[in-house]
Amino acid sequence: MASSRLEQLFNGYLAQSLTSEEKVQFYSLVNDDNHTEQLRSLIDQVELNSSDLVDLNEESAKEILDAILSLQKQSIVRKIWWRYVAAACIISLMVISAIWLISQNHEVQQDLVQNSVIAPGTNKAILITSEGQEMVLDGKGNMKIGNALIQDGVATYHKGNTVAFNTLKTPRGGQFQVILPDGTHVWINSA
């Protein structure tokens, strides 16, 4: 319906018989992107009919040409506007993503630093005597067990008349020092 109306208004415009309301309606149809192809075909038809060219005065031709050129300018402006909007959206998404990634990386690094702090070993061990008795040694205080004297995290063995086999175990994070009867120093580390 709009296409036949455009053709009627176009012919009326060429004949200069349009009222002011019809001119407004004609200009709105000319500026509508949906009618561009039909408008071009109507102009082509006018060019093909040489008798119609004679009826088309210079002022009418100029107005039609101006309307077509303004239509092309509007479409170019619309295309450029959308490109700027798309570019702005992409840039803002990239900035937001970069900020998020940097903050996530910073949190991971802080977690790694907090988790990587290793406490130094402390003097603690478990002594299992040759009789099978277990004793927890924490490096505090003094005690004598068989031919061994334990003071401040160091077990010092002295030569004795009997041979006894003791076992010393250190838990994770523990350490202990043993001095054997021949003067040899042994440091027992964690686990």
N, C-alpha and C. Protein backbone atom coordinates (compact mmCIF):
# COMPACT_ATOMS: atom_id res chain seq x y z
N MET A 1 0.82 -1.19 0.00
CA MET A 1 0.00 0.00 0.00
C MET A 1 0.87 1.26 0.00
N ALA A 2 1.93 1.24 0.81
CA ALA A 2 2.81 2.41 0.87
C ALA A 2 3.55 2.59 -0.45
N SER A 3 3.86 1.49 -1.13
CA SER A 3 4.59 1.60 -2.39
C SER A 3 3.72 2.24 -3.47
N SER A 4 2.43 1.88 -3.53
CA SER A 4 1.56 2.52 -4.53
C SER A 4 1.31 3.98 -4.15
N ARG A 5 1.27 4.25 -2.85
CA ARG A 5 1.07 5.63 -2.40
C ARG A 5 2.29 6.47 -2.77
N LEU A 6 3.50 5.86 -2.64
CA LEU A 6 4.73 6.57 -3.02
C LEU A 6 4.69 6.90 -4.51
N GLU A 7 4.23 5.96 -5.32
CA GLU A 7 4.16 6.20 -6.76
C GLU A 7 3.18 7.32 -7.08
N GLN A 8 2.02 7.36 -6.39
CA GLN A 8 1.03 8.43 -6.62
C GLN A 8 1.61 9.79 -6.23
N LEU A 9 2.26 9.82 -5.04
CA LEU A 9 2.83 11.08 -4.57
C LEU A 9 3.98 11.53 -5.48
N PHE A 10 4.78 10.57 -5.97
CA PHE A 10 5.88 10.89 -6.86
C PHE A 10 5.35 11.52 -8.14
N ASN A 11 4.32 10.92 -8.74
CA ASN A 11 3.73 11.47 -9.96
C ASN A 11 3.10 12.84 -9.71
N GLY A 12 2.45 13.00 -8.55
CA GLY A 12 1.88 14.29 -8.18
C GLY A 12 2.95 15.34 -7.98
N TYR A 13 4.09 14.91 -7.41
CA TYR A 13 5.19 15.84 -7.19
C TYR A 13 5.77 16.32 -8.51
N LEU A 14 5.90 15.37 -9.46
CA LEU A 14 6.42 15.75 -10.78
C LEU A 14 5.46 16.72 -11.49
N ALA A 15 4.19 16.52 -11.28
CA ALA A 15 3.19 17.39 -11.91
C ALA A 15 2.97 18.66 -11.11
N GLN A 16 3.59 18.77 -9.93
CA GLN A 16 3.45 19.89 -9.01
C GLN A 16 2.00 20.12 -8.61
N SER A 17 1.29 19.01 -8.32
CA SER A 17 -0.11 19.12 -7.94
C SER A 17 -0.34 18.65 -6.50
N LEU A 18 0.74 18.52 -5.69
CA LEU A 18 0.59 18.03 -4.31
C LEU A 18 0.23 19.17 -3.36
N THR A 19 -0.63 18.83 -2.40
CA THR A 19 -0.93 19.79 -1.34
C THR A 19 0.23 19.78 -0.35
N SER A 20 0.21 20.68 0.61
CA SER A 20 1.30 20.73 1.59
C SER A 20 1.33 19.46 2.45
N GLU A 21 0.17 18.90 2.78
CA GLU A 21 0.12 17.66 3.57
C GLU A 21 0.68 16.49 2.76
N GLU A 22 0.37 16.44 1.47
CA GLU A 22 0.88 15.38 0.63
C GLU A 22 2.39 15.51 0.43
N LYS A 23 2.89 16.75 0.38
CA LYS A 23 4.34 16.95 0.27
C LYS A 23 5.05 16.40 1.51
N VAL A 24 4.47 16.66 2.69
CA VAL A 24 5.07 16.16 3.94
C VAL A 24 5.08 14.64 3.91
N GLN A 25 3.97 14.04 3.48
CA GLN A 25 3.89 12.59 3.40
C GLN A 25 4.89 12.05 2.37
N PHE A 26 5.05 12.72 1.25
CA PHE A 26 5.98 12.30 0.22
C PHE A 26 7.43 12.36 0.74
N TYR A 27 7.78 13.46 1.43
CA TYR A 27 9.14 13.58 1.96
C TYR A 27 9.43 12.51 3.02
N SER A 28 8.42 12.19 3.82
CA SER A 28 8.66 11.15 4.83
C SER A 28 8.87 9.79 4.18
N LEU A 29 8.14 9.50 3.10
CA LEU A 29 8.34 8.24 2.38
C LEU A 29 9.69 8.22 1.67
N VAL A 30 10.12 9.36 1.13
CA VAL A 30 11.41 9.44 0.45
C VAL A 30 12.55 9.22 1.44
N ASN A 31 12.42 9.73 2.66
CA ASN A 31 13.47 9.61 3.67
C ASN A 31 13.46 8.25 4.36
N ASP A 32 12.44 7.44 4.12
CA ASP A 32 12.36 6.11 4.73
C ASP A 32 13.24 5.15 3.93
N ASP A 33 14.11 4.42 4.63
CA ASP A 33 15.04 3.49 3.97
C ASP A 33 14.32 2.34 3.27
N ASN A 34 13.12 2.02 3.68
CA ASN A 34 12.39 0.90 3.10
C ASN A 34 11.95 1.17 1.66
N HIS A 35 11.87 2.43 1.26
CA HIS A 35 11.36 2.78 -0.06
C HIS A 35 12.46 3.24 -1.02
N THR A 36 13.70 3.03 -0.67
CA THR A 36 14.82 3.51 -1.49
C THR A 36 14.80 2.85 -2.88
N GLU A 37 14.65 1.55 -2.89
CA GLU A 37 14.68 0.84 -4.18
C GLU A 37 13.52 1.27 -5.09
N GLN A 38 12.33 1.39 -4.52
CA GLN A 38 11.18 1.80 -5.34
C GLN A 38 11.36 3.21 -5.87
N LEU A 39 11.92 4.10 -5.02
CA LEU A 39 12.15 5.47 -5.45
C LEU A 39 13.15 5.51 -6.60
N ARG A 40 14.18 4.70 -6.53
CA ARG A 40 15.16 4.66 -7.61
C ARG A 40 14.53 4.13 -8.91
N SER A 41 13.68 3.13 -8.78
CA SER A 41 13.04 2.60 -10.00
C SER A 41 12.08 3.63 -10.61
N LEU A 42 11.40 4.43 -9.76
CA LEU A 42 10.52 5.49 -10.28
C LEU A 42 11.34 6.56 -11.01
N ILE A 43 12.50 6.89 -10.45
CA ILE A 43 13.36 7.89 -11.11
C ILE A 43 13.89 7.34 -12.42
N ASP A 44 14.24 6.05 -12.42
CA ASP A 44 14.72 5.43 -13.67
C ASP A 44 13.63 5.44 -14.74
N GLN A 45 12.39 5.22 -14.34
CA GLN A 45 11.28 5.24 -15.30
C GLN A 45 11.11 6.63 -15.90
N VAL A 46 11.26 7.65 -15.06
CA VAL A 46 11.12 9.02 -15.54
C VAL A 46 12.23 9.33 -16.54
N GLU A 47 13.45 8.85 -16.27
CA GLU A 47 14.56 9.09 -17.18
C GLU A 47 14.34 8.40 -18.51
N LEU A 48 13.71 7.21 -18.50
CA LEU A 48 13.50 6.46 -19.74
C LEU A 48 12.46 7.13 -20.64
N ASN A 49 11.50 7.75 -20.03
CA ASN A 49 10.45 8.44 -20.81
C ASN A 49 10.90 9.86 -21.07
N SER A 50 11.30 10.13 -22.25
CA SER A 50 11.80 11.47 -22.56
C SER A 50 10.73 12.53 -22.46
N SER A 51 9.47 12.13 -22.68
CA SER A 51 8.40 13.12 -22.55
C SER A 51 8.23 13.55 -21.10
N ASP A 52 8.50 12.59 -20.15
CA ASP A 52 8.41 12.95 -18.73
C ASP A 52 9.56 13.86 -18.34
N LEU A 53 10.68 13.73 -19.00
CA LEU A 53 11.81 14.59 -18.68
C LEU A 53 11.51 16.04 -19.02
N VAL A 54 10.75 16.22 -20.03
CA VAL A 54 10.40 17.57 -20.42
C VAL A 54 9.48 18.19 -19.37
N ASP A 55 8.58 17.36 -18.78
CA ASP A 55 7.65 17.86 -17.77
C ASP A 55 8.35 18.14 -16.45
N LEU A 56 9.48 17.50 -16.19
CA LEU A 56 10.19 17.67 -14.93
C LEU A 56 10.99 18.96 -14.99
N ASN A 57 10.56 19.92 -14.16
CA ASN A 57 11.30 21.18 -14.17
C ASN A 57 12.56 21.06 -13.32
N GLU A 58 13.41 22.03 -13.42
CA GLU A 58 14.71 21.98 -12.77
C GLU A 58 14.59 22.00 -11.25
N GLU A 59 13.64 22.76 -10.74
CA GLU A 59 13.46 22.85 -9.29
C GLU A 59 13.03 21.51 -8.70
N SER A 60 12.12 20.84 -9.36
CA SER A 60 11.64 19.52 -8.89
C SER A 60 12.77 18.50 -8.94
N ALA A 61 13.54 18.52 -10.00
CA ALA A 61 14.66 17.58 -10.11
C ALA A 61 15.68 17.83 -9.01
N LYS A 62 15.92 19.09 -8.71
CA LYS A 62 16.88 19.43 -7.66
C LYS A 62 16.37 18.93 -6.30
N GLU A 63 15.08 19.12 -6.02
CA GLU A 63 14.53 18.68 -4.75
C GLU A 63 14.60 17.16 -4.61
N ILE A 64 14.29 16.44 -5.69
CA ILE A 64 14.37 14.97 -5.65
C ILE A 64 15.81 14.53 -5.44
N LEU A 65 16.73 15.16 -6.12
CA LEU A 65 18.14 14.83 -5.97
C LEU A 65 18.62 15.12 -4.55
N ASP A 66 18.20 16.26 -4.00
CA ASP A 66 18.58 16.60 -2.62
C ASP A 66 18.03 15.57 -1.64
N ALA A 67 16.78 15.15 -1.87
CA ALA A 67 16.18 14.16 -0.98
C ALA A 67 16.95 12.84 -1.03
N ILE A 68 17.35 12.43 -2.23
CA ILE A 68 18.11 11.19 -2.37
C ILE A 68 19.48 11.32 -1.72
N LEU A 69 20.14 12.44 -1.93
CA LEU A 69 21.46 12.64 -1.33
C LEU A 69 21.38 12.70 0.19
N SER A 70 20.34 13.33 0.73
CA SER A 70 20.20 13.37 2.19
C SER A 70 19.93 11.98 2.73
N LEU A 71 19.21 11.17 1.95
CA LEU A 71 18.95 9.78 2.34
C LEU A 71 20.26 9.01 2.42
N GLN A 72 21.15 9.20 1.45
CA GLN A 72 22.43 8.52 1.46
C GLN A 72 23.30 9.00 2.62
N LYS A 73 23.27 10.29 2.90
CA LYS A 73 24.06 10.82 4.02
C LYS A 73 23.57 10.25 5.34
N GLN A 74 22.24 10.11 5.49
CA GLN A 74 21.69 9.57 6.72
C GLN A 74 22.14 8.13 6.93
N SER A 75 22.13 7.34 5.86
CA SER A 75 22.55 5.94 6.00
C SER A 75 24.03 5.85 6.35
N ILE A 76 24.85 6.74 5.77
CA ILE A 76 26.28 6.73 6.10
C ILE A 76 26.48 7.12 7.56
N VAL A 77 25.77 8.15 8.01
CA VAL A 77 25.89 8.58 9.40
C VAL A 77 25.44 7.46 10.34
N ARG A 78 24.37 6.77 9.99
CA ARG A 78 23.89 5.67 10.82
C ARG A 78 24.93 4.56 10.89
N LYS A 79 25.54 4.22 9.78
CA LYS A 79 26.55 3.17 9.78
C LYS A 79 27.74 3.56 10.63
N ILE A 80 28.21 4.78 10.49
CA ILE A 80 29.36 5.25 11.27
C ILE A 80 29.01 5.29 12.76
N TRP A 81 27.82 5.74 13.09
CA TRP A 81 27.41 5.81 14.49
C TRP A 81 27.44 4.43 15.13
N TRP A 82 26.95 3.43 14.44
CA TRP A 82 26.94 2.08 14.98
C TRP A 82 28.35 1.54 15.15
N ARG A 83 29.25 1.92 14.28
CA ARG A 83 30.63 1.48 14.42
C ARG A 83 31.26 2.04 15.69
N TYR A 84 31.00 3.31 15.96
CA TYR A 84 31.53 3.92 17.18
C TYR A 84 30.95 3.26 18.42
N VAL A 85 29.66 2.99 18.40
CA VAL A 85 29.02 2.34 19.55
C VAL A 85 29.61 0.94 19.75
N ALA A 86 29.76 0.19 18.66
CA ALA A 86 30.32 -1.16 18.76
C ALA A 86 31.75 -1.11 19.29
N ALA A 87 32.54 -0.17 18.79
CA ALA A 87 33.93 -0.05 19.25
C ALA A 87 33.98 0.32 20.73
N ALA A 88 33.11 1.22 21.16
CA ALA A 88 33.08 1.61 22.57
C ALA A 88 32.69 0.43 23.45
N CYS A 89 31.73 -0.36 23.01
CA CYS A 89 31.32 -1.54 23.79
C CYS A 89 32.46 -2.55 23.89
N ILE A 90 33.13 -2.80 22.79
CA ILE A 90 34.23 -3.77 22.80
C ILE A 90 35.35 -3.29 23.70
N ILE A 91 35.70 -2.01 23.61
CA ILE A 91 36.78 -1.48 24.45
C ILE A 91 36.41 -1.55 25.92
N SER A 92 35.17 -1.20 26.25
CA SER A 92 34.77 -1.24 27.66
C SER A 92 34.75 -2.68 28.18
N LEU A 93 34.34 -3.65 27.36
CA LEU A 93 34.39 -5.04 27.78
C LEU A 93 35.83 -5.51 28.00
N MET A 94 36.73 -5.06 27.14
CA MET A 94 38.13 -5.44 27.30
C MET A 94 38.71 -4.84 28.58
N VAL A 95 38.39 -3.60 28.88
CA VAL A 95 38.90 -2.96 30.10
C VAL A 95 38.35 -3.66 31.34
N ILE A 96 37.06 -3.95 31.34
CA ILE A 96 36.45 -4.63 32.49
C ILE A 96 37.06 -6.01 32.67
N SER A 97 37.28 -6.74 31.56
CA SER A 97 37.89 -8.07 31.64
C SER A 97 39.31 -7.99 32.18
N ALA A 98 40.06 -7.00 31.71
CA ALA A 98 41.44 -6.85 32.19
C ALA A 98 41.48 -6.54 33.68
N ILE A 99 40.61 -5.67 34.12
CA ILE A 99 40.57 -5.33 35.56
C ILE A 99 40.20 -6.57 36.36
N TRP A 100 39.24 -7.33 35.89
CA TRP A 100 38.82 -8.54 36.61
C TRP A 100 39.96 -9.56 36.66
N LEU A 101 40.64 -9.76 35.54
CA LEU A 101 41.74 -10.73 35.51
C LEU A 101 42.89 -10.30 36.43
N ILE A 102 43.18 -9.02 36.44
CA ILE A 102 44.27 -8.53 37.30
C ILE A 102 43.90 -8.73 38.77
N SER A 103 42.65 -8.44 39.12
CA SER A 103 42.25 -8.61 40.53
C SER A 103 42.24 -10.09 40.91
N GLN A 104 41.84 -10.97 40.00
CA GLN A 104 41.86 -12.40 40.29
C GLN A 104 43.29 -12.89 40.47
N ASN A 105 44.19 -12.44 39.62
CA ASN A 105 45.60 -12.84 39.69
C ASN A 105 46.21 -12.34 41.00
N HIS A 106 45.86 -11.13 41.42
CA HIS A 106 46.38 -10.56 42.65
C HIS A 106 45.92 -11.39 43.85
N GLU A 107 44.65 -11.81 43.86
CA GLU A 107 44.13 -12.63 44.96
C GLU A 107 44.84 -13.97 45.01
N VAL A 108 45.08 -14.59 43.87
CA VAL A 108 45.77 -15.88 43.82
C VAL A 108 47.18 -15.72 44.35
N GLN A 109 47.86 -14.64 43.97
CA GLN A 109 49.22 -14.43 44.44
C GLN A 109 49.24 -14.23 45.95
N GLN A 110 48.26 -13.50 46.49
CA GLN A 110 48.20 -13.32 47.94
C GLN A 110 47.96 -14.65 48.64
N ASP A 111 47.07 -15.50 48.08
CA ASP A 111 46.82 -16.81 48.66
C ASP A 111 48.10 -17.65 48.65
N LEU A 112 48.85 -17.59 47.53
CA LEU A 112 50.08 -18.36 47.43
C LEU A 112 51.10 -17.88 48.47
N VAL A 113 51.20 -16.57 48.65
CA VAL A 113 52.15 -16.03 49.62
C VAL A 113 51.75 -16.46 51.03
N GLN A 114 50.46 -16.39 51.33
CA GLN A 114 50.00 -16.77 52.67
C GLN A 114 50.20 -18.26 52.91
N ASN A 115 49.95 -19.09 51.89
CA ASN A 115 50.08 -20.53 52.06
C ASN A 115 51.53 -21.01 52.00
N SER A 116 52.42 -20.22 51.40
CA SER A 116 53.79 -20.68 51.24
C SER A 116 54.68 -20.34 52.43
N VAL A 117 54.15 -19.69 53.46
CA VAL A 117 54.95 -19.39 54.63
C VAL A 117 55.10 -20.69 55.43
N ILE A 118 56.33 -21.14 55.55
CA ILE A 118 56.61 -22.40 56.24
C ILE A 118 57.26 -22.08 57.57
N ALA A 119 56.65 -22.58 58.61
CA ALA A 119 57.20 -22.34 59.95
C ALA A 119 58.46 -23.18 60.12
N PRO A 120 59.43 -22.68 60.86
CA PRO A 120 60.65 -23.45 61.08
C PRO A 120 60.36 -24.67 61.96
N GLY A 121 61.21 -25.68 61.81
CA GLY A 121 61.03 -26.89 62.61
C GLY A 121 61.28 -26.61 64.09
N THR A 122 60.61 -27.35 64.91
CA THR A 122 60.78 -27.21 66.37
C THR A 122 61.34 -28.51 66.91
N ASN A 123 61.90 -28.43 68.10
CA ASN A 123 62.47 -29.61 68.74
C ASN A 123 61.34 -30.47 69.28
N LYS A 124 61.00 -31.51 68.53
CA LYS A 124 60.01 -32.48 69.00
C LYS A 124 60.32 -33.82 68.33
N ALA A 125 60.15 -34.85 69.11
CA ALA A 125 60.43 -36.20 68.61
C ALA A 125 59.72 -37.20 69.51
N ILE A 126 59.70 -38.46 69.03
CA ILE A 126 59.13 -39.56 69.81
C ILE A 126 60.26 -40.58 70.00
N LEU A 127 60.57 -40.88 71.26
CA LEU A 127 61.62 -41.85 71.57
C LEU A 127 60.95 -43.16 71.96
N ILE A 128 61.33 -44.22 71.25
CA ILE A 128 60.82 -45.56 71.56
C ILE A 128 62.01 -46.33 72.14
N THR A 129 61.89 -46.68 73.41
CA THR A 129 63.00 -47.36 74.09
C THR A 129 63.06 -48.82 73.67
N SER A 130 64.15 -49.50 74.09
CA SER A 130 64.32 -50.91 73.74
C SER A 130 63.26 -51.77 74.41
N GLU A 131 62.65 -51.28 75.47
CA GLU A 131 61.56 -52.01 76.13
C GLU A 131 60.21 -51.77 75.46
N GLY A 132 60.13 -50.84 74.46
CA GLY A 132 58.89 -50.56 73.74
C GLY A 132 58.10 -49.39 74.32
N GLN A 133 58.66 -48.72 75.27
CA GLN A 133 57.98 -47.58 75.88
C GLN A 133 58.19 -46.35 75.00
N GLU A 134 57.08 -45.60 74.71
CA GLU A 134 57.15 -44.40 73.87
C GLU A 134 57.13 -43.16 74.75
N MET A 135 58.02 -42.23 74.42
CA MET A 135 58.09 -40.98 75.18
C MET A 135 58.11 -39.82 74.18
N VAL A 136 57.32 -38.80 74.46
CA VAL A 136 57.28 -37.62 73.61
C VAL A 136 58.32 -36.64 74.13
N LEU A 137 59.23 -36.24 73.24
CA LEU A 137 60.27 -35.29 73.60
C LEU A 137 59.94 -33.97 72.91
N ASP A 138 59.83 -32.92 73.68
CA ASP A 138 59.48 -31.62 73.10
C ASP A 138 60.62 -30.62 73.20
N GLY A 139 61.76 -31.01 73.65
CA GLY A 139 62.91 -30.12 73.72
C GLY A 139 62.90 -29.24 74.95
N LYS A 140 61.93 -29.39 75.83
CA LYS A 140 61.86 -28.60 77.06
C LYS A 140 62.16 -29.51 78.24
N GLY A 141 62.90 -29.03 79.14
CA GLY A 141 63.20 -29.79 80.35
C GLY A 141 64.34 -30.78 80.15
N ASN A 142 64.70 -31.45 81.24
CA ASN A 142 65.80 -32.42 81.24
C ASN A 142 65.26 -33.75 81.74
N MET A 143 65.76 -34.85 81.17
CA MET A 143 65.39 -36.18 81.65
C MET A 143 66.51 -37.16 81.32
N LYS A 144 66.54 -38.25 82.10
CA LYS A 144 67.55 -39.27 81.88
C LYS A 144 66.81 -40.57 81.61
N ILE A 145 67.16 -41.19 80.48
CA ILE A 145 66.55 -42.46 80.09
C ILE A 145 67.70 -43.42 79.79
N GLY A 146 67.87 -44.41 80.61
CA GLY A 146 68.97 -45.37 80.42
C GLY A 146 70.29 -44.64 80.45
N ASN A 147 71.09 -44.81 79.42
CA ASN A 147 72.38 -44.14 79.35
C ASN A 147 72.33 -42.86 78.51
N ALA A 148 71.12 -42.27 78.36
CA ALA A 148 70.96 -41.04 77.58
C ALA A 148 70.47 -39.91 78.48
N LEU A 149 71.05 -38.75 78.25
CA LEU A 149 70.63 -37.54 78.95
C LEU A 149 70.01 -36.62 77.90
N ILE A 150 68.75 -36.18 78.11
CA ILE A 150 68.05 -35.34 77.14
C ILE A 150 67.90 -33.95 77.75
N GLN A 151 68.51 -32.92 77.08
CA GLN A 151 68.45 -31.55 77.54
C GLN A 151 68.28 -30.62 76.34
N ASP A 152 67.33 -29.73 76.42
CA ASP A 152 67.13 -28.66 75.44
C ASP A 152 67.17 -29.15 73.98
N GLY A 153 66.50 -30.21 73.67
CA GLY A 153 66.40 -30.71 72.30
C GLY A 153 67.60 -31.48 71.83
N VAL A 154 68.48 -31.92 72.73
CA VAL A 154 69.66 -32.70 72.36
C VAL A 154 69.69 -33.94 73.26
N ALA A 155 69.75 -35.10 72.62
CA ALA A 155 69.89 -36.36 73.37
C ALA A 155 71.36 -36.78 73.30
N THR A 156 72.01 -36.85 74.48
CA THR A 156 73.43 -37.21 74.54
C THR A 156 73.54 -38.60 75.16
N TYR A 157 74.12 -39.53 74.40
CA TYR A 157 74.30 -40.90 74.87
C TYR A 157 75.72 -41.04 75.40
N HIS A 158 75.84 -41.75 76.56
CA HIS A 158 77.15 -42.02 77.17
C HIS A 158 77.40 -43.52 77.10
N LYS A 159 78.67 -43.90 77.17
CA LYS A 159 79.01 -45.32 77.14
C LYS A 159 78.44 -45.99 78.38
N GLY A 160 77.85 -47.10 78.15
CA GLY A 160 77.27 -47.85 79.26
C GLY A 160 77.70 -49.29 79.21
N ASN A 161 77.29 -50.04 80.25
CA ASN A 161 77.67 -51.44 80.35
C ASN A 161 76.78 -52.33 79.48
N THR A 162 75.58 -51.89 79.23
CA THR A 162 74.66 -52.70 78.45
C THR A 162 74.39 -52.05 77.09
N VAL A 163 74.02 -52.88 76.14
CA VAL A 163 73.70 -52.38 74.81
C VAL A 163 72.18 -52.28 74.72
N ALA A 164 71.69 -51.10 74.33
CA ALA A 164 70.24 -50.89 74.19
C ALA A 164 69.99 -50.19 72.85
N PHE A 165 68.95 -50.64 72.15
CA PHE A 165 68.59 -50.03 70.86
C PHE A 165 67.33 -49.20 71.04
N ASN A 166 67.48 -47.91 70.87
CA ASN A 166 66.34 -46.99 70.95
C ASN A 166 66.03 -46.46 69.54
N THR A 167 64.77 -46.10 69.35
CA THR A 167 64.34 -45.54 68.06
C THR A 167 63.86 -44.12 68.30
N LEU A 168 64.32 -43.21 67.45
CA LEU A 168 63.90 -41.80 67.57
C LEU A 168 63.19 -41.40 66.28
N LYS A 169 61.94 -40.96 66.38
CA LYS A 169 61.15 -40.54 65.22
C LYS A 169 60.80 -39.06 65.38
N THR A 170 60.89 -38.32 64.27
CA THR A 170 60.48 -36.92 64.31
C THR A 170 59.24 -36.75 63.44
N PRO A 171 58.22 -36.09 63.95
CA PRO A 171 57.02 -35.87 63.13
C PRO A 171 57.28 -34.74 62.12
N ARG A 172 56.31 -34.52 61.27
CA ARG A 172 56.42 -33.42 60.29
C ARG A 172 56.55 -32.10 61.05
N GLY A 173 57.52 -31.30 60.67
CA GLY A 173 57.77 -30.02 61.34
C GLY A 173 58.61 -30.17 62.59
N GLY A 174 59.12 -31.37 62.83
CA GLY A 174 59.94 -31.60 64.02
C GLY A 174 61.39 -31.84 63.65
N GLN A 175 62.26 -31.66 64.62
CA GLN A 175 63.70 -31.92 64.44
C GLN A 175 64.26 -32.27 65.81
N PHE A 176 65.37 -32.98 65.79
CA PHE A 176 66.02 -33.33 67.07
C PHE A 176 67.48 -33.59 66.80
N GLN A 177 68.30 -33.48 67.85
CA GLN A 177 69.74 -33.67 67.72
C GLN A 177 70.17 -34.76 68.68
N VAL A 178 71.03 -35.64 68.18
CA VAL A 178 71.52 -36.76 69.00
C VAL A 178 73.05 -36.73 68.96
N ILE A 179 73.67 -36.92 70.13
CA ILE A 179 75.13 -37.06 70.21
C ILE A 179 75.41 -38.49 70.69
N LEU A 180 76.07 -39.25 69.83
CA LEU A 180 76.35 -40.66 70.11
C LEU A 180 77.56 -40.79 71.04
N PRO A 181 77.73 -41.95 71.66
CA PRO A 181 78.83 -42.13 72.62
C PRO A 181 80.22 -41.88 72.02
N ASP A 182 80.38 -42.08 70.72
CA ASP A 182 81.70 -41.84 70.11
C ASP A 182 81.91 -40.37 69.73
N GLY A 183 80.91 -39.49 70.06
CA GLY A 183 81.04 -38.06 69.79
C GLY A 183 80.41 -37.62 68.47
N THR A 184 79.83 -38.53 67.71
CA THR A 184 79.22 -38.20 66.43
C THR A 184 77.92 -37.42 66.66
N HIS A 185 77.75 -36.30 65.92
CA HIS A 185 76.53 -35.50 66.00
C HIS A 185 75.59 -35.92 64.87
N VAL A 186 74.32 -36.16 65.23
CA VAL A 186 73.32 -36.56 64.23
C VAL A 186 72.13 -35.58 64.38
N TRP A 187 71.76 -34.97 63.25
CA TRP A 187 70.59 -34.08 63.24
C TRP A 187 69.46 -34.82 62.49
N ILE A 188 68.37 -34.99 63.15
CA ILE A 188 67.22 -35.69 62.55
C ILE A 188 66.20 -34.62 62.18
N ASN A 189 65.84 -34.63 60.90
CA ASN A 189 64.94 -33.59 60.36
C ASN A 189 63.50 -34.10 60.34
N SER A 190 62.63 -33.31 59.82
CA SER A 190 61.19 -33.55 59.78
C SER A 190 60.87 -34.87 59.08
N ALA A 191 59.96 -35.64 59.69
CA ALA A 191 59.44 -36.92 59.18
C ALA A 191 60.59 -37.86 58.87
